[in-house]
Protein backbone atom coordinates (compact mmCIF):
# COMPACT_ATOMS: atom_id res chain seq x y z
CA MET A 1 1.18 -36.72 -25.79
CA SER A 2 0.17 -36.24 -22.15
CA GLU A 3 -2.79 -34.10 -21.05
CA VAL A 4 -0.39 -31.48 -19.71
CA LYS A 5 1.44 -31.28 -23.02
CA ARG A 6 -1.81 -31.06 -25.00
CA ARG A 7 -2.85 -28.06 -22.93
CA SER A 8 0.48 -26.39 -23.46
CA ALA A 9 0.33 -26.94 -27.21
CA GLY A 10 -2.99 -25.12 -27.45
CA ARG A 11 -1.91 -22.10 -25.40
CA PRO A 12 -0.04 -19.16 -26.94
CA ALA A 13 3.21 -18.38 -25.15
CA GLY A 14 2.74 -15.84 -22.37
CA THR A 15 -1.07 -15.83 -22.48
CA ALA A 16 -1.50 -16.58 -18.78
CA LYS A 17 0.84 -13.75 -17.81
CA ALA A 18 -0.65 -11.33 -20.35
CA SER A 19 -4.16 -11.85 -18.99
CA GLY A 20 -3.07 -10.05 -15.82
CA GLY A 21 -5.12 -12.34 -13.59
CA HIS A 22 -8.26 -12.22 -15.73
CA SER A 23 -10.08 -15.44 -16.58
CA GLN A 24 -8.18 -17.13 -19.40
CA SER A 25 -11.40 -18.43 -20.94
CA LEU A 26 -12.90 -14.94 -20.98
CA VAL A 27 -9.81 -13.48 -22.64
CA ARG A 28 -9.77 -16.25 -25.25
CA GLY A 29 -13.50 -15.85 -25.93
CA LEU A 30 -13.13 -12.10 -26.46
CA LYS A 31 -10.20 -12.71 -28.82
CA LEU A 32 -12.38 -15.07 -30.85
CA LEU A 33 -15.09 -12.38 -31.03
CA GLU A 34 -12.51 -9.92 -32.37
CA HIS A 35 -11.41 -12.36 -35.08
CA ILE A 36 -15.01 -13.14 -36.11
CA ALA A 37 -15.96 -9.46 -36.19
CA SER A 38 -13.00 -8.70 -38.45
CA ILE A 39 -14.33 -11.04 -41.21
CA PRO A 40 -18.02 -10.33 -41.91
CA GLN A 41 -18.21 -13.29 -44.34
CA GLY A 42 -17.57 -15.70 -41.48
CA LEU A 43 -14.78 -18.05 -40.42
CA SER A 44 -14.54 -21.80 -40.12
CA LEU A 45 -13.60 -23.58 -36.92
CA SER A 46 -10.15 -24.46 -38.25
CA GLU A 47 -9.48 -20.89 -39.40
CA LEU A 48 -10.47 -19.52 -35.99
CA ALA A 49 -8.35 -22.10 -34.18
CA ASP A 50 -5.32 -21.13 -36.28
CA MET A 51 -5.90 -17.40 -35.81
CA ALA A 52 -6.34 -17.75 -32.04
CA GLU A 53 -3.54 -20.32 -31.75
CA LEU A 54 -5.85 -22.66 -29.88
CA ALA A 55 -6.66 -26.35 -30.20
CA PRO A 56 -9.82 -26.94 -32.32
CA SER A 57 -11.54 -28.62 -29.35
CA THR A 58 -10.87 -25.56 -27.13
CA THR A 59 -11.99 -23.20 -29.88
CA HIS A 60 -15.22 -25.15 -30.38
CA ARG A 61 -15.98 -25.14 -26.65
CA LEU A 62 -15.53 -21.36 -26.47
CA LEU A 63 -17.65 -20.81 -29.58
CA GLN A 64 -20.46 -22.90 -28.13
CA ALA A 65 -20.40 -20.80 -24.95
CA LEU A 66 -20.54 -17.58 -27.00
CA GLN A 67 -23.33 -19.02 -29.13
CA SER A 68 -25.41 -19.99 -26.09
CA GLN A 69 -25.34 -16.32 -24.99
CA GLY A 70 -26.26 -14.96 -28.42
CA PHE A 71 -22.87 -13.42 -29.28
CA VAL A 72 -22.04 -15.64 -32.28
CA THR A 73 -23.97 -17.88 -34.65
CA GLN A 74 -23.00 -20.70 -37.03
CA GLU A 75 -24.20 -20.93 -40.58
CA ASN A 76 -25.42 -24.49 -41.08
CA GLU A 77 -24.57 -24.88 -44.77
CA GLN A 78 -20.85 -24.08 -44.62
CA GLY A 79 -20.39 -24.14 -40.87
CA LEU A 80 -18.97 -20.61 -40.79
CA TRP A 81 -19.07 -18.60 -37.57
CA ARG A 82 -20.35 -15.02 -37.60
CA ILE A 83 -21.24 -12.44 -34.97
CA ASP A 84 -24.84 -12.61 -33.75
CA VAL A 85 -27.38 -10.01 -32.71
CA LYS A 86 -26.15 -9.46 -29.13
CA THR A 87 -22.67 -8.47 -30.33
CA PHE A 88 -24.30 -6.09 -32.79
CA ARG A 89 -26.41 -4.55 -30.04
CA ILE A 90 -23.36 -3.95 -27.85
CA GLY A 91 -21.47 -2.33 -30.71
CA ASN A 92 -24.50 -0.26 -31.65
CA SER A 93 -24.86 0.94 -28.06
CA PHE A 94 -21.30 2.21 -28.18
CA LEU A 95 -21.99 4.09 -31.43
CA GLU A 96 -25.09 5.69 -29.94
CA ALA A 97 -23.19 6.75 -26.85
CA ARG A 98 -20.34 8.13 -28.94
CA ASP A 99 -22.79 10.15 -31.04
CA PHE A 100 -24.55 11.90 -28.17
CA ILE A 101 -21.26 12.60 -26.44
CA ALA A 102 -19.85 14.16 -29.61
CA THR A 103 -23.05 16.17 -30.10
CA SER A 104 -22.94 17.43 -26.52
CA ARG A 105 -19.31 18.59 -26.42
CA PRO A 106 -19.85 22.01 -28.12
CA TYR A 107 -22.71 22.69 -25.70
CA LEU A 108 -20.52 21.81 -22.71
CA ARG A 109 -17.87 24.21 -23.98
CA ARG A 110 -20.51 26.91 -24.39
CA LEU A 111 -21.80 26.37 -20.86
CA THR A 112 -18.29 26.76 -19.44
CA SER A 113 -17.69 29.85 -21.56
CA VAL A 114 -20.93 31.49 -20.37
CA THR A 115 -20.81 30.43 -16.72
CA GLY A 116 -17.09 30.14 -16.03
CA GLU A 117 -17.77 26.79 -14.34
CA THR A 118 -17.12 23.13 -15.17
CA ALA A 119 -19.73 21.45 -17.38
CA ASN A 120 -20.28 17.69 -17.29
CA LEU A 121 -22.21 14.94 -19.05
CA GLY A 122 -23.21 11.67 -17.42
CA ILE A 123 -25.41 8.64 -17.98
CA ARG A 124 -27.19 6.20 -15.68
CA ASP A 125 -25.73 2.77 -15.01
CA GLY A 126 -27.94 0.97 -12.52
CA ALA A 127 -28.11 3.05 -9.35
CA THR A 128 -25.14 5.26 -10.23
CA ALA A 129 -24.34 8.11 -12.58
CA VAL A 130 -21.23 7.68 -14.74
CA PHE A 131 -19.44 10.78 -16.04
CA LEU A 132 -18.40 10.49 -19.69
CA ALA A 133 -17.49 14.03 -20.78
CA GLN A 134 -16.37 17.28 -19.19
CA HIS A 135 -15.26 20.78 -20.03
CA GLU A 136 -13.22 22.26 -17.20
CA SER A 137 -13.60 25.70 -15.69
CA PRO A 138 -10.65 28.05 -16.25
CA GLN A 139 -10.86 29.13 -12.60
CA MET A 140 -8.05 28.16 -10.23
CA MET A 141 -10.58 26.68 -7.79
CA ARG A 142 -12.82 24.43 -9.84
CA MET A 143 -14.71 21.18 -9.82
CA ILE A 144 -13.00 18.31 -11.69
CA THR A 145 -14.48 14.83 -12.09
CA ARG A 146 -12.40 11.99 -13.46
CA LEU A 147 -14.07 10.58 -16.59
CA GLY A 148 -15.53 7.17 -15.87
CA SER A 149 -16.05 8.01 -12.20
CA ARG A 150 -19.39 7.32 -10.57
CA ALA A 151 -21.74 9.06 -8.16
CA PRO A 152 -24.92 7.75 -6.47
CA LEU A 153 -28.06 8.74 -8.33
CA HIS A 154 -29.68 10.09 -5.15
CA ALA A 155 -26.63 12.15 -4.13
CA SER A 156 -25.60 14.05 -7.27
CA GLY A 157 -27.10 16.63 -9.60
CA VAL A 158 -26.70 14.51 -12.73
CA GLY A 159 -27.96 11.45 -10.87
CA LYS A 160 -31.08 13.15 -9.51
CA ALA A 161 -31.93 14.59 -12.92
CA LEU A 162 -31.72 11.12 -14.47
CA LEU A 163 -33.66 9.57 -11.59
CA ALA A 164 -36.47 12.13 -11.79
CA TRP A 165 -37.32 11.39 -15.40
CA ILE A 166 -37.34 7.59 -15.46
CA PRO A 167 -40.82 5.99 -15.14
CA ASP A 168 -42.20 5.90 -11.59
CA ASP A 169 -42.39 2.09 -11.44
CA GLU A 170 -38.82 1.75 -12.67
CA ARG A 171 -37.60 4.26 -10.09
CA SER A 172 -39.49 2.50 -7.29
CA GLN A 173 -38.01 -0.83 -8.33
CA LEU A 174 -34.54 0.71 -8.48
CA LEU A 175 -34.77 2.19 -4.98
CA GLU A 176 -36.77 -0.55 -3.28
CA GLY A 177 -34.79 -2.21 -0.52
CA ARG A 178 -31.69 -0.20 -1.36
CA GLU A 179 -29.82 1.64 1.37
CA LEU A 180 -29.43 5.29 0.37
CA THR A 181 -25.97 6.27 1.55
CA ARG A 182 -25.66 9.61 3.32
CA VAL A 183 -22.63 11.00 1.49
CA THR A 184 -22.73 14.40 3.26
CA GLU A 185 -24.95 15.99 5.89
CA ASN A 186 -27.11 17.41 3.07
CA THR A 187 -27.68 14.15 1.19
CA LEU A 188 -31.33 13.13 0.78
CA TYR A 189 -31.23 9.58 2.08
CA THR A 190 -34.88 8.64 2.73
CA THR A 191 -37.32 7.48 0.07
CA ASP A 192 -39.95 10.05 1.08
CA ALA A 193 -37.50 12.95 0.88
CA LEU A 194 -36.25 11.72 -2.46
CA GLU A 195 -39.74 11.36 -3.95
CA THR A 196 -40.57 14.91 -2.87
CA GLU A 197 -37.36 16.04 -4.58
CA MET A 198 -38.29 14.15 -7.77
CA THR A 199 -41.59 16.05 -7.94
CA ARG A 200 -39.76 19.36 -7.50
CA ILE A 201 -37.23 18.50 -10.21
CA ARG A 202 -39.89 17.59 -12.76
CA ALA A 203 -41.81 20.78 -11.99
CA GLN A 204 -38.84 23.14 -12.40
CA GLY A 205 -37.11 21.16 -15.18
CA PHE A 206 -33.70 20.75 -13.53
CA ALA A 207 -32.05 19.23 -10.46
CA CYS A 208 -29.95 20.98 -7.82
CA ASP A 209 -27.18 19.48 -5.74
CA ARG A 210 -26.65 21.60 -2.63
CA GLU A 211 -23.55 20.07 -1.06
CA GLU A 212 -25.21 16.66 -1.33
CA HIS A 213 -22.28 14.96 -3.03
CA ALA A 214 -19.35 17.09 -1.86
CA VAL A 215 -19.09 19.71 0.87
CA GLY A 216 -18.69 23.21 -0.57
CA LEU A 217 -19.93 22.22 -4.04
CA HIS A 218 -23.14 23.29 -5.78
CA CYS A 219 -24.42 21.80 -9.04
CA VAL A 220 -27.38 22.08 -11.41
CA ALA A 221 -28.30 19.40 -13.95
CA ALA A 222 -30.92 18.68 -16.60
CA CYS A 223 -31.76 15.66 -18.74
CA VAL A 224 -31.14 15.05 -22.41
CA HIS A 225 -34.02 12.89 -23.71
CA ASP A 226 -34.35 10.40 -26.53
CA GLU A 227 -37.15 10.22 -29.08
CA ARG A 228 -39.42 8.49 -26.54
CA GLY A 229 -38.85 11.20 -23.94
CA THR A 230 -36.83 8.93 -21.65
CA PRO A 231 -33.50 10.06 -20.19
CA LEU A 232 -30.55 9.50 -22.48
CA ALA A 233 -28.01 11.46 -20.42
CA ALA A 234 -27.80 14.53 -18.19
CA ILE A 235 -25.61 17.62 -18.33
CA SER A 236 -24.59 19.77 -15.40
CA VAL A 237 -22.70 22.85 -14.30
CA SER A 238 -20.76 22.54 -11.04
CA GLY A 239 -18.66 24.87 -8.94
CA PRO A 240 -17.87 26.08 -5.43
CA MET A 241 -20.63 27.65 -3.34
CA ALA A 242 -18.63 30.88 -3.20
CA ARG A 243 -19.35 31.41 -6.91
CA ILE A 244 -22.67 29.57 -7.07
CA PRO A 245 -24.82 30.79 -4.15
CA GLU A 246 -28.51 29.90 -3.98
CA ALA A 247 -29.65 32.80 -6.19
CA ARG A 248 -27.23 31.87 -8.96
CA LEU A 249 -28.16 28.19 -8.63
CA MET A 250 -31.64 29.01 -9.92
CA GLU A 251 -30.26 31.19 -12.70
CA LEU A 252 -27.89 28.46 -13.88
CA GLY A 253 -30.68 25.91 -13.66
CA GLY A 254 -32.63 27.65 -16.39
CA LEU A 255 -29.55 27.90 -18.58
CA VAL A 256 -28.68 24.21 -18.16
CA GLN A 257 -32.29 23.21 -18.80
CA ALA A 258 -32.38 25.22 -22.04
CA THR A 259 -29.04 23.75 -23.14
CA ALA A 260 -30.24 20.20 -22.45
CA ALA A 261 -33.36 20.95 -24.53
CA ASP A 262 -31.12 22.16 -27.41
CA ILE A 263 -29.08 18.93 -27.31
CA THR A 264 -32.28 16.88 -27.15
CA ALA A 265 -33.64 18.66 -30.25
CA GLN A 266 -30.40 18.15 -32.18
CA LEU A 267 -30.47 14.43 -31.39
CA GLY A 268 -34.09 14.13 -32.52
CA GLY A 269 -35.33 13.61 -28.99
CA ARG A 270 -38.39 14.90 -27.19
CA VAL A 271 -38.63 16.74 -23.89
CA PRO A 272 -41.58 15.26 -21.95
CA ASP A 273 -44.51 17.51 -21.01
């Protein structure tokens, strides 16, 4: 059998097209992880090759790559492949995220009910905030953020709340050498201005976004903390300036801060002094 034919024999029909342009090796490796995770007792090389419809040599090469990164491990006695600690950590991270999102949802609904504005929940991913949950305002003119969308930490209420409560050295490292994009005319885009803002946020317990991410939009946000007092997520209330002028911004800030403290307590977290 030629080399071309051997490759064809080990490839399921339509795999290249189904991958939609993604790396074929990555797709195959993830499929192997799914098979291994489905059988906690472990699977042999031949069983995995049959399940994945791959040649044993290809299967072994992919397993070795996954093993080198800590995703799978092989039991020496029987040679069975099982998931390793890194796969467990990734799955556990998802469960933790799902738990705090589920815990926060009733509080987001309550915030919208009390304020009439959209309530959001976001987390930090590098230098951006990612929005994972939302309860929309019933108002015709309202703020809506697509779930999974991102905003710069320095130019959003949720982002600034998260940024203010991470350790100083971590924040400095995160911002060092990074260009702070000026999203609107009100965006704080210098390190000095941002550090002054971080001090203000920690003192008052919540962050304000005054048209820093979107013109005509005001937002207040506060952190939800874990048991170590580090930021786990942040919640916010956002709406048009016409309904959230400066005076109401401060009023809503206290409400959002208190709500974030309630979520923190329910999750067994600790609000830092």
